[in-house]
Amino acid sequence: MRTGSWSFYHLGWDNGKRLDAVADVVKGADLWTLEEVMYKNAVTQLEHELE
């Protein structure tokens, strides 16, 4: 099993972040711990990228 931890502190800021690229990294692990999530909608958008 591969695990990972990622700070999403600035993920929700609208400054050109590529959620498709983030999704590619996230696909590399079975279980993730998300830290410092400031914007729930950023996690929701990432979920849509993973579908």
C-alpha atoms as a PDB file:
ATOM      1  CA  MET A   1       0.000   0.000   0.000  1.00  0.00           C
ATOM      2  CA  ARG A   2       1.279   3.471  -0.866  1.00  0.00           C
ATOM      3  CA  THR A   3       0.348   6.382   1.367  1.00  0.00           C
ATOM      4  CA  GLY A   4       0.909  10.105   1.110  1.00  0.00           C
ATOM      5  CA  SER A   5       0.299  13.365   2.903  1.00  0.00           C
ATOM      6  CA  TRP A   6      -0.264  16.711   1.232  1.00  0.00           C
ATOM      7  CA  SER A   7      -0.848  20.231   2.517  1.00  0.00           C
ATOM      8  CA  PHE A   8      -3.686  21.817   0.535  1.00  0.00           C
ATOM      9  CA  TYR A   9      -3.196  25.185   2.233  1.00  0.00           C
ATOM     10  CA  HIS A  10      -3.059  27.211  -0.993  1.00  0.00           C
ATOM     11  CA  LEU A  11      -4.836  24.809  -3.343  1.00  0.00           C
ATOM     12  CA  GLY A  12      -8.105  26.754  -3.363  1.00  0.00           C
ATOM     13  CA  TRP A  13      -6.529  30.039  -4.437  1.00  0.00           C
ATOM     14  CA  ASP A  14      -7.410  30.936  -8.000  1.00  0.00           C
ATOM     15  CA  ASN A  15      -3.897  31.471  -9.282  1.00  0.00           C
ATOM     16  CA  GLY A  16      -3.580  29.084 -12.188  1.00  0.00           C
ATOM     17  CA  LYS A  17      -3.030  25.827 -10.334  1.00  0.00           C
ATOM     18  CA  ARG A  18      -3.523  22.784 -12.541  1.00  0.00           C
ATOM     19  CA  LEU A  19      -5.770  20.356 -10.728  1.00  0.00           C
ATOM     20  CA  ASP A  20      -5.299  17.846 -13.545  1.00  0.00           C
ATOM     21  CA  ALA A  21      -1.589  17.705 -12.674  1.00  0.00           C
ATOM     22  CA  VAL A  22      -2.400  17.387  -8.958  1.00  0.00           C
ATOM     23  CA  ALA A  23      -4.778  14.525  -9.807  1.00  0.00           C
ATOM     24  CA  ASP A  24      -1.989  12.723 -11.662  1.00  0.00           C
ATOM     25  CA  VAL A  25       0.169  12.828  -8.534  1.00  0.00           C
ATOM     26  CA  VAL A  26      -2.693  11.781  -6.266  1.00  0.00           C
ATOM     27  CA  LYS A  27      -3.339   8.710  -8.416  1.00  0.00           C
ATOM     28  CA  GLY A  28       0.074   7.394  -7.352  1.00  0.00           C
ATOM     29  CA  ALA A  29      -1.017   6.434  -3.830  1.00  0.00           C
ATOM     30  CA  ASP A  30      -3.746   4.304  -2.295  1.00  0.00           C
ATOM     31  CA  LEU A  31      -4.388   6.491   0.744  1.00  0.00           C
ATOM     32  CA  TRP A  32      -3.892  10.239   1.246  1.00  0.00           C
ATOM     33  CA  THR A  33      -3.977  12.486   4.283  1.00  0.00           C
ATOM     34  CA  LEU A  34      -5.010  16.017   3.330  1.00  0.00           C
ATOM     35  CA  GLU A  35      -3.700  18.698   5.657  1.00  0.00           C
ATOM     36  CA  GLU A  36      -4.560  22.385   6.019  1.00  0.00           C
ATOM     37  CA  VAL A  37      -7.558  22.265   3.685  1.00  0.00           C
ATOM     38  CA  MET A  38      -8.705  25.899   3.505  1.00  0.00           C
ATOM     39  CA  TYR A  39     -11.291  25.498   0.754  1.00  0.00           C
ATOM     40  CA  LYS A  40     -13.579  22.464   0.627  1.00  0.00           C
ATOM     41  CA  ASN A  41     -14.429  23.269  -2.975  1.00  0.00           C
ATOM     42  CA  ALA A  42     -10.787  22.648  -3.956  1.00  0.00           C
ATOM     43  CA  VAL A  43     -11.088  19.063  -2.689  1.00  0.00           C
ATOM     44  CA  THR A  44     -14.397  18.686  -4.536  1.00  0.00           C
ATOM     45  CA  GLN A  45     -12.801  19.940  -7.749  1.00  0.00           C
ATOM     46  CA  LEU A  46      -9.953  17.491  -7.285  1.00  0.00           C
ATOM     47  CA  GLU A  47     -12.452  14.673  -6.815  1.00  0.00           C
ATOM     48  CA  HIS A  48     -14.021  15.579 -10.171  1.00  0.00           C
ATOM     49  CA  GLU A  49     -10.576  15.450 -11.818  1.00  0.00           C
ATOM     50  CA  LEU A  50     -10.099  11.944 -10.438  1.00  0.00           C
ATOM     51  CA  GLU A  51     -13.407  10.617 -11.839  1.00  0.00           C
END
